[in-house]
């Protein structure tokens, strides 16, 4: 997960979704370069893709009874998720030991999460961020998540440049439509992982 300062980035009052979209494309350009992939081709597909904006409001825990989690553990579908949160409440899992870690409150910042798309594309070199939301005891939490992905029926496949004898293809192909069908057929709201269903083996 990456945290970027948003201070002073919108003095001209450009709409949030336009700024976030531009940032996502710049970040993906850097990611693709780090993987040694064809940036022009893949960025064009992303530019033609979708941006989903999800806005959530989580009440303080003192107003709730027997409820701890505002959002169960999950990873996001898409290449990148760019998230704004008004106060603490986000937790990510430490893959090295399985423990949950609270994401510190960083005023005027954006959080960048790797999504399932990018894990598949990179053949596991980048891992999607498993995260959850816990209710905050001192303030109501507002979050704005921008999920960046390919178009509805555009297949996400592992880049052939990242496949060899030592690194065989570790994931099945997928599309956003297939993800939506998966949502309708599983208990995704209770933490069932979509990326786990795509793994042929754990790279």
N, C-alpha and C. Protein backbone atom coordinates (compact mmCIF):
# COMPACT_ATOMS: atom_id res chain seq x y z
N UNK A 1 0.84 -1.18 0.00
CA UNK A 1 0.00 0.00 0.00
C UNK A 1 0.87 1.24 0.00
N UNK A 2 0.48 2.23 -0.77
CA UNK A 2 1.21 3.49 -0.91
C UNK A 2 0.35 4.62 -0.39
N UNK A 3 0.95 5.59 0.31
CA UNK A 3 0.23 6.76 0.79
C UNK A 3 0.80 7.99 0.11
N UNK A 4 -0.07 8.76 -0.55
CA UNK A 4 0.36 9.95 -1.29
C UNK A 4 -0.26 11.19 -0.68
N UNK A 5 0.50 12.27 -0.62
CA UNK A 5 -0.03 13.53 -0.12
C UNK A 5 -0.95 14.15 -1.14
N UNK A 6 -2.11 14.61 -0.66
CA UNK A 6 -3.07 15.28 -1.55
C UNK A 6 -3.10 16.77 -1.29
N UNK A 7 -2.23 17.25 -0.42
CA UNK A 7 -2.24 18.66 -0.02
C UNK A 7 -1.91 19.57 -1.20
N UNK A 8 -2.81 20.51 -1.48
CA UNK A 8 -2.54 21.50 -2.52
C UNK A 8 -2.67 20.99 -3.93
N UNK A 9 -3.19 19.77 -4.11
CA UNK A 9 -3.23 19.18 -5.45
C UNK A 9 -4.45 19.61 -6.25
N UNK A 10 -5.37 20.31 -5.63
CA UNK A 10 -6.61 20.63 -6.33
C UNK A 10 -6.99 22.09 -6.15
N UNK A 11 -6.02 22.98 -6.31
CA UNK A 11 -6.28 24.40 -6.11
C UNK A 11 -7.26 24.94 -7.14
N UNK A 12 -7.32 24.30 -8.32
CA UNK A 12 -8.24 24.75 -9.36
C UNK A 12 -9.61 24.12 -9.26
N UNK A 13 -9.82 23.31 -8.23
CA UNK A 13 -11.09 22.64 -7.99
C UNK A 13 -11.52 21.74 -9.15
N UNK A 14 -10.55 21.02 -9.70
CA UNK A 14 -10.88 19.99 -10.68
C UNK A 14 -11.64 18.88 -9.98
N UNK A 15 -12.69 18.32 -10.59
CA UNK A 15 -13.45 17.24 -9.94
C UNK A 15 -12.56 16.09 -9.48
N UNK A 16 -12.90 15.54 -8.33
CA UNK A 16 -12.09 14.49 -7.70
C UNK A 16 -11.86 13.31 -8.65
N UNK A 17 -12.92 12.86 -9.33
CA UNK A 17 -12.79 11.66 -10.15
C UNK A 17 -11.83 11.86 -11.32
N UNK A 18 -11.73 13.08 -11.83
CA UNK A 18 -10.81 13.36 -12.93
C UNK A 18 -9.36 13.33 -12.44
N UNK A 19 -9.12 13.94 -11.29
CA UNK A 19 -7.77 13.93 -10.72
C UNK A 19 -7.32 12.52 -10.36
N UNK A 20 -8.23 11.75 -9.78
CA UNK A 20 -7.88 10.39 -9.37
C UNK A 20 -7.61 9.52 -10.59
N UNK A 21 -8.39 9.70 -11.62
CA UNK A 21 -8.19 8.93 -12.85
C UNK A 21 -6.81 9.23 -13.44
N UNK A 22 -6.44 10.49 -13.48
CA UNK A 22 -5.14 10.89 -14.00
C UNK A 22 -4.01 10.29 -13.16
N UNK A 23 -4.17 10.35 -11.83
CA UNK A 23 -3.17 9.78 -10.93
C UNK A 23 -3.04 8.28 -11.15
N UNK A 24 -4.16 7.59 -11.30
CA UNK A 24 -4.14 6.14 -11.49
C UNK A 24 -3.38 5.76 -12.75
N UNK A 25 -3.59 6.49 -13.83
CA UNK A 25 -2.89 6.19 -15.08
C UNK A 25 -1.39 6.44 -14.94
N UNK A 26 -1.01 7.47 -14.22
CA UNK A 26 0.41 7.75 -13.99
C UNK A 26 1.05 6.65 -13.15
N UNK A 27 0.33 6.19 -12.13
CA UNK A 27 0.85 5.12 -11.28
C UNK A 27 0.97 3.81 -12.06
N UNK A 28 -0.05 3.51 -12.87
CA UNK A 28 0.00 2.28 -13.66
C UNK A 28 1.14 2.32 -14.68
N UNK A 29 1.42 3.48 -15.21
CA UNK A 29 2.55 3.62 -16.13
C UNK A 29 3.84 3.22 -15.43
N UNK A 30 4.00 3.67 -14.19
CA UNK A 30 5.20 3.33 -13.41
C UNK A 30 5.24 1.84 -13.07
N UNK A 31 4.09 1.27 -12.74
CA UNK A 31 4.02 -0.15 -12.41
C UNK A 31 4.39 -1.00 -13.62
N UNK A 32 3.82 -0.67 -14.77
CA UNK A 32 4.11 -1.43 -15.98
C UNK A 32 5.58 -1.33 -16.36
N UNK A 33 6.16 -0.15 -16.18
CA UNK A 33 7.59 0.02 -16.44
C UNK A 33 8.41 -0.87 -15.52
N UNK A 34 8.01 -0.96 -14.26
CA UNK A 34 8.75 -1.79 -13.30
C UNK A 34 8.70 -3.27 -13.66
N UNK A 35 7.63 -3.67 -14.38
CA UNK A 35 7.48 -5.07 -14.79
C UNK A 35 8.08 -5.34 -16.16
N UNK A 36 8.52 -4.27 -16.84
CA UNK A 36 9.08 -4.43 -18.17
C UNK A 36 8.05 -4.76 -19.23
N UNK A 37 6.81 -4.27 -19.07
CA UNK A 37 5.72 -4.58 -19.99
C UNK A 37 5.45 -3.42 -20.95
N UNK A 38 4.70 -3.72 -22.00
CA UNK A 38 4.33 -2.73 -23.01
C UNK A 38 3.37 -1.72 -22.39
N UNK A 39 3.88 -0.56 -22.04
CA UNK A 39 3.07 0.43 -21.34
C UNK A 39 1.97 1.00 -22.21
N UNK A 40 2.28 1.28 -23.47
CA UNK A 40 1.32 1.94 -24.36
C UNK A 40 0.07 1.09 -24.55
N UNK A 41 0.26 -0.20 -24.83
CA UNK A 41 -0.87 -1.09 -25.10
C UNK A 41 -1.76 -1.25 -23.88
N UNK A 42 -1.15 -1.51 -22.74
CA UNK A 42 -1.93 -1.77 -21.53
C UNK A 42 -2.58 -0.51 -20.98
N UNK A 43 -1.89 0.62 -21.09
CA UNK A 43 -2.48 1.87 -20.63
C UNK A 43 -3.69 2.25 -21.49
N UNK A 44 -3.62 1.94 -22.78
CA UNK A 44 -4.76 2.22 -23.65
C UNK A 44 -5.98 1.42 -23.21
N UNK A 45 -5.76 0.16 -22.83
CA UNK A 45 -6.87 -0.67 -22.35
C UNK A 45 -7.44 -0.11 -21.05
N UNK A 46 -6.56 0.40 -20.19
CA UNK A 46 -7.03 0.96 -18.93
C UNK A 46 -7.78 2.27 -19.16
N UNK A 47 -7.31 3.07 -20.09
CA UNK A 47 -7.99 4.32 -20.41
C UNK A 47 -9.40 4.07 -20.94
N UNK A 48 -9.57 2.94 -21.62
CA UNK A 48 -10.88 2.57 -22.15
C UNK A 48 -11.71 1.80 -21.12
N UNK A 49 -11.14 1.59 -19.96
CA UNK A 49 -11.79 0.80 -18.93
C UNK A 49 -12.73 1.60 -18.05
N UNK A 50 -12.93 1.11 -16.84
CA UNK A 50 -13.92 1.69 -15.93
C UNK A 50 -13.26 2.29 -14.70
N UNK A 51 -13.96 3.23 -14.11
CA UNK A 51 -13.60 3.78 -12.82
C UNK A 51 -14.86 3.73 -11.95
N UNK A 52 -14.80 2.93 -10.89
CA UNK A 52 -15.94 2.81 -9.98
C UNK A 52 -15.66 3.65 -8.74
N UNK A 53 -16.59 4.52 -8.40
CA UNK A 53 -16.46 5.35 -7.21
C UNK A 53 -17.41 4.82 -6.14
N UNK A 54 -16.86 4.48 -4.98
CA UNK A 54 -17.67 3.98 -3.87
C UNK A 54 -17.48 4.90 -2.67
N UNK A 55 -18.57 5.47 -2.19
CA UNK A 55 -18.53 6.36 -1.03
C UNK A 55 -19.26 5.71 0.14
N UNK A 56 -18.58 5.61 1.27
CA UNK A 56 -19.15 4.95 2.44
C UNK A 56 -19.07 5.84 3.66
N UNK A 57 -20.06 5.71 4.52
CA UNK A 57 -20.08 6.43 5.79
C UNK A 57 -20.26 5.41 6.91
N UNK A 58 -19.30 5.34 7.82
CA UNK A 58 -19.33 4.39 8.92
C UNK A 58 -19.57 5.15 10.23
N UNK A 59 -20.62 4.76 10.94
CA UNK A 59 -20.93 5.40 12.21
C UNK A 59 -19.87 5.05 13.26
N UNK A 60 -19.83 5.81 14.33
CA UNK A 60 -18.90 5.49 15.42
C UNK A 60 -19.36 4.22 16.12
N UNK A 61 -18.42 3.48 16.68
CA UNK A 61 -18.74 2.20 17.31
C UNK A 61 -19.65 2.35 18.52
N UNK A 62 -19.67 3.52 19.14
CA UNK A 62 -20.51 3.70 20.32
C UNK A 62 -22.00 3.70 19.98
N UNK A 63 -22.32 3.88 18.69
CA UNK A 63 -23.71 3.85 18.26
C UNK A 63 -24.15 2.46 17.80
N UNK A 64 -23.23 1.50 17.88
CA UNK A 64 -23.52 0.16 17.38
C UNK A 64 -23.41 -0.85 18.50
N UNK A 65 -24.13 -1.93 18.38
CA UNK A 65 -24.12 -2.98 19.39
C UNK A 65 -23.69 -4.30 18.74
N UNK A 66 -22.71 -4.95 19.36
CA UNK A 66 -22.23 -6.25 18.89
C UNK A 66 -21.80 -6.21 17.42
N UNK A 67 -21.18 -5.13 17.03
CA UNK A 67 -20.73 -5.00 15.65
C UNK A 67 -19.35 -4.35 15.64
N UNK A 68 -18.38 -5.02 15.06
CA UNK A 68 -17.00 -4.53 15.06
C UNK A 68 -16.56 -4.06 13.69
N UNK A 69 -16.94 -4.80 12.66
CA UNK A 69 -16.42 -4.52 11.32
C UNK A 69 -17.43 -3.80 10.45
N UNK A 70 -16.97 -2.70 9.86
CA UNK A 70 -17.80 -2.00 8.89
C UNK A 70 -17.71 -2.64 7.52
N UNK A 71 -16.59 -3.33 7.27
CA UNK A 71 -16.39 -4.04 6.00
C UNK A 71 -15.51 -5.25 6.30
N UNK A 72 -15.95 -6.46 5.91
CA UNK A 72 -15.16 -7.66 6.20
C UNK A 72 -13.89 -7.71 5.36
N UNK A 73 -12.96 -8.61 5.69
CA UNK A 73 -11.72 -8.72 4.92
C UNK A 73 -11.99 -9.02 3.45
N UNK A 74 -11.29 -8.31 2.57
CA UNK A 74 -11.45 -8.52 1.13
C UNK A 74 -10.30 -7.83 0.40
N UNK A 75 -10.14 -8.16 -0.86
CA UNK A 75 -9.26 -7.40 -1.75
C UNK A 75 -10.14 -6.81 -2.84
N UNK A 76 -9.67 -5.75 -3.47
CA UNK A 76 -10.49 -5.06 -4.47
C UNK A 76 -10.24 -5.62 -5.87
N UNK A 77 -11.33 -5.73 -6.62
CA UNK A 77 -11.19 -6.10 -8.02
C UNK A 77 -10.76 -4.87 -8.80
N UNK A 78 -9.86 -5.03 -9.73
CA UNK A 78 -9.35 -3.91 -10.50
C UNK A 78 -7.84 -3.87 -10.43
N UNK A 79 -7.25 -2.89 -11.08
CA UNK A 79 -5.79 -2.74 -11.05
C UNK A 79 -5.33 -2.01 -9.80
N UNK A 80 -5.93 -0.86 -9.58
CA UNK A 80 -5.58 -0.03 -8.43
C UNK A 80 -6.85 0.51 -7.79
N UNK A 81 -6.80 0.69 -6.48
CA UNK A 81 -7.83 1.44 -5.77
C UNK A 81 -7.16 2.63 -5.11
N UNK A 82 -7.70 3.81 -5.35
CA UNK A 82 -7.19 5.02 -4.71
C UNK A 82 -8.23 5.47 -3.70
N UNK A 83 -7.82 5.54 -2.45
CA UNK A 83 -8.77 5.71 -1.35
C UNK A 83 -8.48 6.95 -0.53
N UNK A 84 -9.53 7.68 -0.22
CA UNK A 84 -9.47 8.76 0.77
C UNK A 84 -10.27 8.32 1.98
N UNK A 85 -9.71 8.52 3.19
CA UNK A 85 -10.45 8.24 4.41
C UNK A 85 -10.34 9.43 5.35
N UNK A 86 -11.45 9.76 6.01
CA UNK A 86 -11.49 10.95 6.86
C UNK A 86 -10.85 10.72 8.22
N UNK A 87 -10.79 9.47 8.68
CA UNK A 87 -10.15 9.16 9.96
C UNK A 87 -9.79 7.68 9.96
N UNK A 88 -9.16 7.22 11.03
CA UNK A 88 -8.70 5.84 11.12
C UNK A 88 -9.87 4.86 11.07
N UNK A 89 -9.54 3.63 10.69
CA UNK A 89 -10.53 2.58 10.60
C UNK A 89 -10.12 1.49 9.62
N UNK A 90 -9.22 1.84 8.71
CA UNK A 90 -8.73 0.88 7.72
C UNK A 90 -7.62 0.02 8.32
N UNK A 91 -7.70 -1.28 8.08
CA UNK A 91 -6.65 -2.21 8.50
C UNK A 91 -6.26 -3.07 7.31
N UNK A 92 -4.96 -3.40 7.22
CA UNK A 92 -4.47 -4.29 6.17
C UNK A 92 -3.78 -5.48 6.82
N UNK A 93 -3.77 -6.60 6.12
CA UNK A 93 -3.16 -7.80 6.68
C UNK A 93 -1.68 -7.86 6.31
N UNK A 94 -0.88 -8.26 7.27
CA UNK A 94 0.55 -8.46 7.05
C UNK A 94 0.74 -9.88 6.54
N UNK A 95 1.09 -10.03 5.28
CA UNK A 95 1.19 -11.37 4.68
C UNK A 95 2.29 -12.22 5.32
N UNK A 96 3.25 -11.58 5.97
CA UNK A 96 4.36 -12.34 6.56
C UNK A 96 3.95 -13.10 7.81
N UNK A 97 2.93 -12.60 8.53
CA UNK A 97 2.54 -13.28 9.77
C UNK A 97 1.03 -13.41 9.95
N UNK A 98 0.24 -12.86 9.03
CA UNK A 98 -1.21 -12.98 9.12
C UNK A 98 -1.87 -12.03 10.09
N UNK A 99 -1.09 -11.10 10.66
CA UNK A 99 -1.66 -10.15 11.63
C UNK A 99 -2.24 -8.94 10.91
N UNK A 100 -3.25 -8.34 11.56
CA UNK A 100 -3.85 -7.12 11.03
C UNK A 100 -3.14 -5.90 11.58
N UNK A 101 -2.93 -4.91 10.72
CA UNK A 101 -2.26 -3.67 11.13
C UNK A 101 -3.12 -2.48 10.77
N UNK A 102 -3.28 -1.57 11.72
CA UNK A 102 -4.07 -0.37 11.48
C UNK A 102 -3.29 0.59 10.58
N UNK A 103 -3.97 1.14 9.60
CA UNK A 103 -3.36 2.15 8.74
C UNK A 103 -3.45 3.49 9.46
N UNK A 104 -2.33 4.15 9.73
CA UNK A 104 -2.36 5.40 10.49
C UNK A 104 -3.12 6.49 9.77
N UNK A 105 -3.70 7.37 10.56
CA UNK A 105 -4.41 8.52 10.00
C UNK A 105 -3.38 9.51 9.47
N UNK A 106 -3.44 9.79 8.20
CA UNK A 106 -2.52 10.73 7.55
C UNK A 106 -3.36 11.79 6.86
N UNK A 107 -3.50 12.97 7.49
CA UNK A 107 -4.37 14.01 6.92
C UNK A 107 -3.98 14.39 5.49
N UNK A 108 -4.99 14.68 4.70
CA UNK A 108 -4.80 15.15 3.32
C UNK A 108 -3.92 14.19 2.51
N UNK A 109 -4.26 12.91 2.58
CA UNK A 109 -3.49 11.92 1.84
C UNK A 109 -4.43 10.96 1.13
N UNK A 110 -3.89 10.26 0.16
CA UNK A 110 -4.61 9.22 -0.56
C UNK A 110 -3.87 7.90 -0.38
N UNK A 111 -4.62 6.83 -0.22
CA UNK A 111 -4.04 5.50 -0.07
C UNK A 111 -4.21 4.75 -1.39
N UNK A 112 -3.16 4.08 -1.82
CA UNK A 112 -3.19 3.34 -3.08
C UNK A 112 -3.06 1.85 -2.79
N UNK A 113 -4.06 1.08 -3.22
CA UNK A 113 -4.07 -0.36 -3.01
C UNK A 113 -3.89 -1.09 -4.34
N UNK A 114 -3.07 -2.13 -4.32
CA UNK A 114 -2.98 -3.04 -5.46
C UNK A 114 -4.24 -3.89 -5.48
N UNK A 115 -4.82 -4.07 -6.68
CA UNK A 115 -6.04 -4.87 -6.81
C UNK A 115 -5.78 -6.22 -7.46
N UNK A 116 -6.84 -7.03 -7.54
CA UNK A 116 -6.74 -8.39 -8.09
C UNK A 116 -6.26 -8.40 -9.54
N UNK A 117 -6.73 -7.42 -10.34
CA UNK A 117 -6.29 -7.31 -11.74
C UNK A 117 -4.77 -7.35 -11.84
N UNK A 118 -4.14 -6.53 -11.02
CA UNK A 118 -2.69 -6.35 -11.11
C UNK A 118 -1.96 -7.59 -10.62
N UNK A 119 -2.53 -8.29 -9.64
CA UNK A 119 -1.90 -9.54 -9.19
C UNK A 119 -1.91 -10.57 -10.32
N UNK A 120 -3.04 -10.67 -11.02
CA UNK A 120 -3.13 -11.61 -12.15
C UNK A 120 -2.18 -11.20 -13.27
N UNK A 121 -2.23 -9.93 -13.65
CA UNK A 121 -1.40 -9.42 -14.74
C UNK A 121 0.09 -9.65 -14.47
N UNK A 122 0.50 -9.42 -13.23
CA UNK A 122 1.93 -9.51 -12.87
C UNK A 122 2.37 -10.91 -12.49
N UNK A 123 1.45 -11.88 -12.58
CA UNK A 123 1.75 -13.27 -12.20
C UNK A 123 2.23 -13.36 -10.75
N UNK A 124 1.65 -12.52 -9.91
CA UNK A 124 1.93 -12.58 -8.48
C UNK A 124 3.09 -11.73 -8.01
N UNK A 125 3.74 -11.03 -8.93
CA UNK A 125 4.84 -10.15 -8.49
C UNK A 125 4.31 -9.01 -7.63
N UNK A 126 3.14 -8.51 -7.98
CA UNK A 126 2.42 -7.58 -7.11
C UNK A 126 1.25 -8.34 -6.49
N UNK A 127 1.02 -8.14 -5.21
CA UNK A 127 -0.07 -8.82 -4.51
C UNK A 127 -1.18 -7.84 -4.16
N UNK A 128 -2.41 -8.27 -4.37
CA UNK A 128 -3.53 -7.41 -4.00
C UNK A 128 -3.56 -7.24 -2.48
N UNK A 129 -4.04 -6.09 -2.04
CA UNK A 129 -4.04 -5.74 -0.62
C UNK A 129 -5.32 -6.24 0.04
N UNK A 130 -5.17 -7.16 0.98
CA UNK A 130 -6.32 -7.63 1.75
C UNK A 130 -6.54 -6.65 2.90
N UNK A 131 -7.74 -6.12 2.98
CA UNK A 131 -8.01 -5.09 3.98
C UNK A 131 -9.42 -5.22 4.54
N UNK A 132 -9.68 -4.52 5.62
CA UNK A 132 -11.00 -4.49 6.24
C UNK A 132 -11.18 -3.14 6.90
N UNK A 133 -12.41 -2.86 7.32
CA UNK A 133 -12.72 -1.61 8.01
C UNK A 133 -13.29 -1.95 9.38
N UNK A 134 -12.71 -1.36 10.42
CA UNK A 134 -13.25 -1.50 11.77
C UNK A 134 -13.85 -0.16 12.18
N UNK A 135 -14.90 -0.24 12.98
CA UNK A 135 -15.55 0.99 13.41
C UNK A 135 -14.64 1.79 14.34
N UNK A 136 -14.66 3.09 14.18
CA UNK A 136 -13.87 4.01 14.99
C UNK A 136 -14.70 4.47 16.18
N UNK A 137 -14.09 4.50 17.35
CA UNK A 137 -14.84 4.87 18.56
C UNK A 137 -15.00 6.37 18.73
N UNK A 138 -14.17 7.16 18.05
CA UNK A 138 -14.19 8.60 18.31
C UNK A 138 -14.79 9.45 17.19
N UNK A 139 -14.89 8.91 15.97
CA UNK A 139 -15.43 9.74 14.89
C UNK A 139 -16.12 8.89 13.83
N UNK A 140 -17.04 9.51 13.15
CA UNK A 140 -17.69 8.87 12.01
C UNK A 140 -16.72 8.90 10.84
N UNK A 141 -16.53 7.77 10.20
CA UNK A 141 -15.53 7.65 9.13
C UNK A 141 -16.21 7.72 7.76
N UNK A 142 -15.68 8.57 6.91
CA UNK A 142 -16.14 8.67 5.53
C UNK A 142 -14.99 8.25 4.62
N UNK A 143 -15.30 7.41 3.65
CA UNK A 143 -14.27 6.98 2.70
C UNK A 143 -14.79 7.15 1.27
N UNK A 144 -13.86 7.48 0.38
CA UNK A 144 -14.16 7.57 -1.05
C UNK A 144 -13.13 6.70 -1.77
N UNK A 145 -13.60 5.61 -2.34
CA UNK A 145 -12.70 4.68 -3.03
C UNK A 145 -12.93 4.76 -4.53
N UNK A 146 -11.85 4.85 -5.27
CA UNK A 146 -11.90 4.87 -6.73
C UNK A 146 -11.19 3.62 -7.25
N UNK A 147 -11.97 2.70 -7.79
CA UNK A 147 -11.42 1.43 -8.28
C UNK A 147 -11.22 1.52 -9.79
N UNK A 148 -9.98 1.30 -10.21
CA UNK A 148 -9.60 1.44 -11.62
C UNK A 148 -9.43 0.06 -12.25
N UNK A 149 -10.17 -0.22 -13.32
CA UNK A 149 -10.07 -1.53 -13.95
C UNK A 149 -10.29 -1.48 -15.45
N UNK A 150 -10.20 -2.63 -16.07
CA UNK A 150 -10.45 -2.74 -17.50
C UNK A 150 -11.95 -2.76 -17.77
N UNK A 151 -12.33 -2.71 -19.04
CA UNK A 151 -13.75 -2.67 -19.40
C UNK A 151 -14.45 -3.98 -19.03
N UNK A 152 -15.77 -3.97 -19.10
CA UNK A 152 -16.60 -5.06 -18.58
C UNK A 152 -16.18 -6.44 -19.09
N UNK A 153 -15.93 -6.57 -20.37
CA UNK A 153 -15.64 -7.89 -20.94
C UNK A 153 -14.19 -8.05 -21.37
N UNK A 154 -13.35 -7.09 -21.04
CA UNK A 154 -11.92 -7.19 -21.37
C UNK A 154 -11.26 -8.19 -20.43
N UNK A 155 -10.70 -9.25 -21.00
CA UNK A 155 -10.06 -10.28 -20.18
C UNK A 155 -8.75 -9.77 -19.58
N UNK A 156 -8.57 -10.06 -18.31
CA UNK A 156 -7.30 -9.80 -17.64
C UNK A 156 -6.51 -11.10 -17.66
N UNK A 157 -5.36 -11.08 -18.30
CA UNK A 157 -4.54 -12.28 -18.41
C UNK A 157 -3.14 -11.99 -17.89
N UNK A 158 -2.48 -13.04 -17.45
CA UNK A 158 -1.10 -12.88 -17.01
C UNK A 158 -0.21 -12.54 -18.21
N UNK A 159 0.61 -11.51 -18.05
CA UNK A 159 1.49 -11.08 -19.13
C UNK A 159 2.46 -12.20 -19.50
N UNK A 160 2.51 -12.54 -20.80
CA UNK A 160 3.35 -13.65 -21.24
C UNK A 160 4.83 -13.37 -20.98
N UNK A 161 5.22 -12.09 -20.91
CA UNK A 161 6.61 -11.75 -20.62
C UNK A 161 7.03 -12.17 -19.22
N UNK A 162 6.04 -12.41 -18.35
CA UNK A 162 6.33 -12.76 -16.96
C UNK A 162 6.14 -14.25 -16.69
N UNK A 163 6.05 -15.03 -17.76
CA UNK A 163 5.86 -16.48 -17.64
C UNK A 163 7.06 -17.19 -18.25
N UNK A 164 7.64 -18.13 -17.49
CA UNK A 164 8.71 -18.98 -18.01
C UNK A 164 8.69 -20.28 -17.22
N UNK A 165 9.71 -21.12 -17.41
CA UNK A 165 9.73 -22.43 -16.75
C UNK A 165 9.75 -22.29 -15.23
N UNK A 166 10.45 -21.29 -14.74
CA UNK A 166 10.52 -21.09 -13.29
C UNK A 166 9.29 -20.36 -12.76
N UNK A 167 8.59 -19.66 -13.64
CA UNK A 167 7.42 -18.88 -13.21
C UNK A 167 6.25 -19.17 -14.14
N UNK A 168 5.65 -20.37 -14.04
CA UNK A 168 4.50 -20.69 -14.88
C UNK A 168 3.29 -19.83 -14.52
N UNK A 169 2.31 -19.80 -15.41
CA UNK A 169 1.11 -19.01 -15.16
C UNK A 169 0.42 -19.49 -13.89
N UNK A 170 0.22 -18.57 -12.95
CA UNK A 170 -0.32 -18.93 -11.64
C UNK A 170 -1.80 -18.56 -11.47
N UNK A 171 -2.39 -17.90 -12.49
CA UNK A 171 -3.76 -17.41 -12.35
C UNK A 171 -4.58 -17.69 -13.60
N UNK A 172 -5.87 -17.91 -13.39
CA UNK A 172 -6.80 -18.02 -14.52
C UNK A 172 -7.17 -16.63 -15.02
N UNK A 173 -7.54 -16.57 -16.30
CA UNK A 173 -8.01 -15.30 -16.87
C UNK A 173 -9.33 -14.91 -16.20
N UNK A 174 -9.65 -13.61 -16.28
CA UNK A 174 -10.90 -13.15 -15.68
C UNK A 174 -11.34 -11.85 -16.35
N UNK A 175 -12.59 -11.48 -16.11
CA UNK A 175 -13.12 -10.21 -16.59
C UNK A 175 -14.01 -9.63 -15.50
N UNK A 176 -14.36 -8.37 -15.64
CA UNK A 176 -15.21 -7.72 -14.65
C UNK A 176 -16.59 -8.37 -14.62
N UNK A 177 -17.11 -8.77 -15.78
CA UNK A 177 -18.41 -9.43 -15.82
C UNK A 177 -18.37 -10.75 -15.04
N UNK A 178 -17.28 -11.49 -15.18
CA UNK A 178 -17.14 -12.75 -14.45
C UNK A 178 -17.07 -12.50 -12.95
N UNK A 179 -16.44 -11.40 -12.56
CA UNK A 179 -16.39 -11.04 -11.15
C UNK A 179 -17.79 -10.76 -10.62
N UNK A 180 -18.60 -10.03 -11.38
CA UNK A 180 -19.97 -9.74 -10.95
C UNK A 180 -20.78 -11.02 -10.82
N UNK A 181 -20.59 -11.96 -11.73
CA UNK A 181 -21.27 -13.25 -11.64
C UNK A 181 -20.83 -14.01 -10.39
N UNK A 182 -19.55 -13.87 -10.07
CA UNK A 182 -19.02 -14.50 -8.86
C UNK A 182 -19.69 -13.92 -7.61
N UNK A 183 -19.87 -12.60 -7.60
CA UNK A 183 -20.52 -11.95 -6.46
C UNK A 183 -21.92 -12.50 -6.22
N UNK A 184 -22.63 -12.77 -7.29
CA UNK A 184 -24.01 -13.25 -7.18
C UNK A 184 -24.09 -14.70 -6.73
N UNK A 185 -22.99 -15.44 -6.88
CA UNK A 185 -23.03 -16.87 -6.60
C UNK A 185 -22.30 -17.28 -5.32
N UNK A 186 -21.67 -16.31 -4.63
CA UNK A 186 -20.90 -16.64 -3.43
C UNK A 186 -21.23 -15.69 -2.29
N UNK A 187 -20.68 -16.02 -1.12
CA UNK A 187 -20.89 -15.20 0.07
C UNK A 187 -19.74 -14.20 0.19
N UNK A 188 -19.57 -13.38 -0.85
CA UNK A 188 -18.45 -12.45 -0.91
C UNK A 188 -18.48 -11.45 0.24
N UNK A 189 -19.68 -11.08 0.69
CA UNK A 189 -19.82 -10.08 1.76
C UNK A 189 -19.22 -10.56 3.07
N UNK A 190 -19.04 -11.88 3.22
CA UNK A 190 -18.48 -12.41 4.45
C UNK A 190 -17.03 -12.84 4.29
N UNK A 191 -16.35 -12.21 3.34
CA UNK A 191 -14.91 -12.39 3.26
C UNK A 191 -14.43 -13.46 2.29
N UNK A 192 -15.33 -14.02 1.47
CA UNK A 192 -14.89 -14.98 0.47
C UNK A 192 -14.04 -14.24 -0.56
N UNK A 193 -12.87 -14.79 -0.88
CA UNK A 193 -11.90 -14.08 -1.72
C UNK A 193 -12.01 -14.48 -3.18
N UNK A 194 -12.16 -13.48 -4.05
CA UNK A 194 -12.22 -13.75 -5.49
C UNK A 194 -10.85 -14.14 -6.04
N UNK A 195 -9.80 -13.47 -5.59
CA UNK A 195 -8.47 -13.76 -6.12
C UNK A 195 -8.07 -15.20 -5.79
N UNK A 196 -8.52 -15.72 -4.65
CA UNK A 196 -8.22 -17.12 -4.31
C UNK A 196 -8.84 -18.07 -5.33
N UNK A 197 -10.00 -17.71 -5.86
CA UNK A 197 -10.66 -18.57 -6.84
C UNK A 197 -9.94 -18.56 -8.19
N UNK A 198 -9.08 -17.58 -8.41
CA UNK A 198 -8.35 -17.47 -9.67
C UNK A 198 -6.98 -18.13 -9.63
N UNK A 199 -6.48 -18.41 -8.43
CA UNK A 199 -5.13 -18.96 -8.31
C UNK A 199 -5.09 -20.42 -8.75
N UNK A 200 -4.19 -20.72 -9.67
CA UNK A 200 -3.93 -22.10 -10.05
C UNK A 200 -3.01 -22.73 -9.00
N UNK A 201 -2.07 -21.95 -8.53
CA UNK A 201 -1.23 -22.29 -7.38
C UNK A 201 -0.72 -20.99 -6.80
N UNK A 202 -0.11 -21.04 -5.64
CA UNK A 202 0.35 -19.83 -4.96
C UNK A 202 1.78 -19.50 -5.39
N UNK A 203 1.98 -18.43 -6.16
CA UNK A 203 3.33 -18.11 -6.65
C UNK A 203 4.25 -17.62 -5.54
